[in-house]
Amino acid sequence: MARRKLSDVSHPDPLLTEDFWLQFGDDPQPPMRLKILYVTFGEVENSGPGSFNVASVCDRLGITYPMVNHYFGGRDGLLAEGAYMVYQRYIQGTWDAVTAAPRDPEARLKAWMKGQLSGTLAMGGWGPLLNYPLAAREVTEVIQAKFQAHMNRLFELNLARVSRLAMDVREGTVTDVDFTDGDYPRDQYLYDSLLQRLIPTISWSTFGMSVWLAGQHTPARNIREVSDILDGVIENHIQLMVDMVRNSPE
């Protein structure tokens, strides 16, 4: 990308108000580094990584491109850190859905699955970066170098949480889960033989639904009969997963 002169800097986007920044945290005027990331969230969500243009972020913030180099080392570094933060928010959002659900084991497991669905839909164009690494090989290399270890812990945290939810369904209990990405019973849940059968089915099934919905599955698009029954199909599928957990033999 050609270097931009100071005279090329646009006026900041008037929509980037304190209310806009408060969507992402409790600081109405976060530091510029975070502002760049927060604006990038929406840009990639709407356009995907392939069409993402750093100049658009710079224009909206009224800054020059060298500031992106200064904070992130360039476009790939910005996208890598953005993907990492989007994944963090996705894991937190899924668990927020569980904690907001009624204190009923089936309701909480269903909330986890629906949280995964809504979280994937909210990712929009970030999905390819997180789910299909070859979609942006250079960005993936930065993710692996800087963020992979923590993202692995977040992934395992998510599995540990849904494992506890599944066991609650089987036992008819509600456990106050206080796991964090630095403190979760990894071996207890990842190596349990029953959970090794149940959790991949729940997770892969939910992931498949999520990807199908997020992409609005091109081959099935505009088929009215599919659209008309979609909500019912999702609810039925989630109930089948819950019934599978409850009734699966030891």
Protein backbone atom coordinates (compact mmCIF):
# COMPACT_ATOMS: atom_id res chain seq x y z
CA MET A 1 0.00 0.00 0.00
CA ALA A 2 1.37 3.44 -0.92
CA ARG A 3 2.32 5.64 1.99
CA ARG A 4 -0.21 8.36 2.68
CA LYS A 5 0.73 11.94 3.36
CA LEU A 6 -0.53 13.78 6.41
CA SER A 7 -2.53 15.93 4.01
CA ASP A 8 -4.35 12.77 2.90
CA VAL A 9 -5.79 12.11 6.38
CA SER A 10 -9.58 12.27 6.45
CA HIS A 11 -11.73 13.73 9.14
CA PRO A 12 -12.72 11.03 11.67
CA ASP A 13 -16.01 9.23 11.17
CA PRO A 14 -18.64 11.12 13.21
CA LEU A 15 -20.29 7.80 14.05
CA LEU A 16 -17.30 6.81 16.19
CA THR A 17 -18.78 8.35 19.32
CA GLU A 18 -18.32 7.39 22.95
CA ASP A 19 -21.37 5.16 22.65
CA PHE A 20 -19.66 3.31 19.81
CA TRP A 21 -16.54 2.62 21.89
CA LEU A 22 -18.61 1.55 24.89
CA GLN A 23 -19.86 -1.43 22.86
CA PHE A 24 -16.41 -2.96 23.42
CA GLY A 25 -15.61 -2.05 27.01
CA ASP A 26 -16.08 0.51 29.73
CA ASP A 27 -13.75 3.19 28.32
CA PRO A 28 -15.59 5.88 26.31
CA GLN A 29 -12.28 6.97 24.79
CA PRO A 30 -9.98 3.93 24.52
CA PRO A 31 -6.38 4.34 23.34
CA MET A 32 -5.81 4.56 19.60
CA ARG A 33 -4.43 1.02 19.42
CA LEU A 34 -7.76 -0.36 20.66
CA LYS A 35 -9.73 2.01 18.47
CA ILE A 36 -7.97 0.58 15.41
CA LEU A 37 -8.88 -2.94 16.52
CA TYR A 38 -12.49 -2.06 17.32
CA VAL A 39 -13.07 -0.43 13.94
CA THR A 40 -11.37 -3.40 12.27
CA PHE A 41 -13.86 -5.74 13.99
CA GLY A 42 -16.75 -4.28 12.00
CA GLU A 43 -14.82 -3.81 8.77
CA VAL A 44 -13.82 -7.48 8.56
CA GLU A 45 -17.19 -8.68 9.85
CA ASN A 46 -18.84 -6.94 6.90
CA SER A 47 -16.27 -7.55 4.15
CA GLY A 48 -14.19 -10.58 5.13
CA PRO A 49 -10.39 -10.69 5.29
CA GLY A 50 -9.86 -10.80 1.54
CA SER A 51 -11.62 -7.50 0.90
CA PHE A 52 -10.48 -5.81 4.08
CA ASN A 53 -8.81 -2.46 3.37
CA VAL A 54 -6.68 -0.93 6.11
CA ALA A 55 -7.10 2.47 4.46
CA SER A 56 -10.80 2.41 5.34
CA VAL A 57 -9.95 1.98 9.04
CA CYS A 58 -7.40 4.79 8.84
CA ASP A 59 -9.86 7.09 7.09
CA ARG A 60 -12.56 6.48 9.66
CA LEU A 61 -10.18 7.23 12.51
CA GLY A 62 -8.44 10.13 10.79
CA ILE A 63 -4.99 8.56 11.08
CA THR A 64 -2.19 7.63 8.67
CA TYR A 65 -1.27 4.08 7.67
CA PRO A 66 2.12 4.17 9.45
CA MET A 67 0.20 4.08 12.74
CA VAL A 68 -1.04 0.60 11.81
CA ASN A 69 2.56 -0.41 11.15
CA HIS A 70 3.61 1.10 14.46
CA TYR A 71 1.06 -0.78 16.54
CA PHE A 72 0.67 -4.06 14.60
CA GLY A 73 3.52 -4.35 12.12
CA GLY A 74 1.11 -4.07 9.19
CA ARG A 75 -2.17 -5.41 7.87
CA ASP A 76 -1.48 -9.07 8.69
CA GLY A 77 -0.59 -8.26 12.28
CA LEU A 78 -3.75 -6.20 12.69
CA LEU A 79 -5.91 -9.00 11.29
CA ALA A 80 -4.18 -11.61 13.47
CA GLU A 81 -4.74 -9.69 16.68
CA GLY A 82 -8.28 -8.85 15.60
CA ALA A 83 -9.04 -12.54 15.04
CA TYR A 84 -7.61 -13.38 18.45
CA MET A 85 -9.76 -10.75 20.17
CA VAL A 86 -12.87 -11.78 18.20
CA TYR A 87 -12.32 -15.36 19.37
CA GLN A 88 -11.97 -14.20 22.97
CA ARG A 89 -15.25 -12.32 22.68
CA TYR A 90 -16.90 -15.36 21.07
CA ILE A 91 -15.91 -17.64 23.97
CA GLN A 92 -17.04 -15.07 26.53
CA GLY A 93 -20.31 -14.41 24.69
CA THR A 94 -21.12 -18.11 24.61
CA TRP A 95 -20.66 -18.39 28.35
CA ASP A 96 -22.62 -15.19 28.97
CA ALA A 97 -25.55 -16.88 27.19
CA VAL A 98 -25.28 -19.82 29.59
CA THR A 99 -25.16 -17.68 32.72
CA ALA A 100 -28.20 -15.72 31.52
CA ALA A 101 -30.24 -18.92 31.01
CA PRO A 102 -32.61 -20.36 33.62
CA ARG A 103 -30.91 -22.53 36.27
CA ASP A 104 -32.01 -25.72 34.57
CA PRO A 105 -29.45 -28.16 33.16
CA GLU A 106 -31.14 -28.61 29.79
CA ALA A 107 -31.77 -24.88 29.39
CA ARG A 108 -28.10 -24.16 30.07
CA LEU A 109 -26.83 -26.70 27.55
CA LYS A 110 -29.25 -25.36 24.96
CA ALA A 111 -28.06 -21.83 25.75
CA TRP A 112 -24.47 -22.92 25.10
CA MET A 113 -25.42 -24.30 21.70
CA LYS A 114 -27.45 -21.22 20.80
CA GLY A 115 -24.62 -19.02 22.04
CA GLN A 116 -22.28 -20.79 19.63
CA LEU A 117 -24.75 -20.17 16.81
CA SER A 118 -25.27 -16.48 17.54
CA GLY A 119 -21.55 -15.98 18.15
CA THR A 120 -20.62 -17.46 14.79
CA LEU A 121 -23.24 -15.34 13.05
CA ALA A 122 -21.85 -12.23 14.78
CA MET A 123 -18.33 -13.05 13.53
CA GLY A 124 -19.39 -12.60 9.93
CA GLY A 125 -16.26 -12.23 7.82
CA TRP A 126 -13.95 -13.29 10.65
CA GLY A 127 -15.16 -16.87 10.22
CA PRO A 128 -12.74 -17.80 7.41
CA LEU A 129 -9.73 -16.62 9.44
CA LEU A 130 -10.72 -18.71 12.45
CA ASN A 131 -12.16 -21.76 10.74
CA TYR A 132 -10.27 -22.02 7.44
CA PRO A 133 -6.62 -21.06 8.09
CA LEU A 134 -5.58 -21.29 4.44
CA ALA A 135 -8.01 -18.47 3.63
CA ALA A 136 -5.28 -16.06 4.76
CA ARG A 137 -2.02 -17.96 5.17
CA GLU A 138 0.10 -14.95 6.17
CA VAL A 139 -2.35 -13.91 8.87
CA THR A 140 -2.51 -17.48 10.15
CA GLU A 141 1.28 -17.50 10.53
CA VAL A 142 1.11 -14.42 12.77
CA ILE A 143 -1.70 -15.98 14.81
CA GLN A 144 0.36 -19.12 15.32
CA ALA A 145 3.43 -17.16 16.37
CA LYS A 146 1.73 -14.74 18.77
CA PHE A 147 -1.65 -16.03 19.90
CA GLN A 148 -1.91 -19.78 19.30
CA ALA A 149 -1.12 -20.90 22.86
CA HIS A 150 -3.77 -18.70 24.43
CA MET A 151 -6.33 -19.56 21.77
CA ASN A 152 -5.70 -23.25 22.52
CA ARG A 153 -6.46 -22.60 26.20
CA LEU A 154 -9.66 -20.77 25.28
CA PHE A 155 -10.70 -23.69 23.09
CA GLU A 156 -10.06 -26.15 25.89
CA LEU A 157 -11.90 -23.89 28.35
CA ASN A 158 -14.92 -23.95 26.05
CA LEU A 159 -14.78 -27.76 25.91
CA ALA A 160 -14.43 -28.04 29.69
CA ARG A 161 -17.45 -25.81 30.19
CA VAL A 162 -19.70 -27.69 27.79
CA SER A 163 -18.49 -30.96 29.31
CA ARG A 164 -19.69 -29.82 32.73
CA LEU A 165 -23.00 -28.71 31.21
CA ALA A 166 -23.42 -32.14 29.61
CA MET A 167 -22.71 -33.90 32.90
CA ASP A 168 -25.25 -31.66 34.63
CA VAL A 169 -27.89 -32.78 32.11
CA ARG A 170 -27.08 -36.41 32.82
CA GLU A 171 -27.09 -35.89 36.60
CA GLY A 172 -30.05 -33.49 36.77
CA THR A 173 -27.93 -30.89 38.58
CA VAL A 174 -26.73 -27.33 38.02
CA THR A 175 -23.07 -26.68 38.76
CA ASP A 176 -21.75 -23.17 39.35
CA VAL A 177 -18.89 -23.32 36.87
CA ASP A 178 -16.06 -20.91 37.63
CA PHE A 179 -13.51 -22.16 35.10
CA THR A 180 -11.21 -19.60 33.46
CA ASP A 181 -8.66 -19.90 30.67
CA GLY A 182 -5.97 -20.23 33.31
CA ASP A 183 -7.84 -22.60 35.60
CA TYR A 184 -9.95 -25.46 34.30
CA PRO A 185 -9.87 -29.20 35.04
CA ARG A 186 -8.33 -30.16 31.70
CA ASP A 187 -7.60 -33.81 32.36
CA GLN A 188 -10.92 -34.46 34.10
CA TYR A 189 -12.96 -33.45 31.09
CA LEU A 190 -10.74 -33.97 28.06
CA TYR A 191 -9.86 -37.58 28.92
CA ASP A 192 -13.19 -38.85 30.25
CA SER A 193 -14.32 -41.71 27.99
CA LEU A 194 -18.01 -40.79 28.09
CA LEU A 195 -17.29 -37.15 27.33
CA GLN A 196 -14.98 -38.17 24.52
CA ARG A 197 -18.06 -39.68 22.87
CA LEU A 198 -20.54 -36.93 23.71
CA ILE A 199 -18.67 -33.64 23.41
CA PRO A 200 -17.34 -34.03 19.85
CA THR A 201 -20.88 -34.84 18.70
CA ILE A 202 -22.28 -31.75 20.43
CA SER A 203 -19.43 -29.50 19.32
CA TRP A 204 -19.14 -30.64 15.71
CA SER A 205 -22.88 -30.68 15.28
CA THR A 206 -23.19 -27.14 16.64
CA PHE A 207 -20.24 -25.96 14.58
CA GLY A 208 -21.79 -27.40 11.44
CA MET A 209 -25.06 -25.58 12.13
CA SER A 210 -23.14 -22.39 12.84
CA VAL A 211 -21.15 -22.44 9.62
CA TRP A 212 -24.21 -23.36 7.58
CA LEU A 213 -26.20 -20.46 9.03
CA ALA A 214 -23.36 -17.94 8.98
CA GLY A 215 -22.74 -18.51 5.29
CA GLN A 216 -26.41 -18.90 4.47
CA HIS A 217 -25.23 -22.00 2.56
CA THR A 218 -25.15 -20.86 -1.06
CA PRO A 219 -26.59 -24.07 -2.61
CA ALA A 220 -29.66 -23.83 -0.33
CA ARG A 221 -30.16 -20.08 -0.59
CA ASN A 222 -33.48 -18.76 -1.87
CA ILE A 223 -35.27 -22.08 -1.42
CA ARG A 224 -38.45 -20.94 0.31
CA GLU A 225 -39.31 -24.32 1.77
CA VAL A 226 -35.94 -24.43 3.55
CA SER A 227 -36.28 -20.89 4.89
CA ASP A 228 -39.81 -21.52 6.13
CA ILE A 229 -38.82 -24.41 8.39
CA LEU A 230 -35.34 -23.28 9.41
CA ASP A 231 -36.14 -22.08 12.95
CA GLY A 232 -38.02 -25.28 13.73
CA VAL A 233 -35.23 -27.42 12.30
CA ILE A 234 -32.68 -25.68 14.53
CA GLU A 235 -34.80 -26.11 17.66
CA ASN A 236 -35.41 -29.77 16.84
CA HIS A 237 -31.73 -30.41 16.21
CA ILE A 238 -30.72 -28.81 19.51
CA GLN A 239 -33.32 -30.88 21.37
CA LEU A 240 -32.02 -34.05 19.72
CA MET A 241 -28.51 -33.20 20.97
CA VAL A 242 -29.80 -32.67 24.51
CA ASP A 243 -31.74 -35.95 24.40
CA MET A 244 -28.61 -37.71 23.13
CA VAL A 245 -26.62 -36.39 26.09
CA ARG A 246 -29.27 -37.37 28.63
CA ASN A 247 -29.89 -40.87 27.24
CA SER A 248 -26.46 -41.95 26.03
CA PRO A 249 -25.29 -45.11 27.83
CA GLU A 250 -22.25 -44.96 30.10
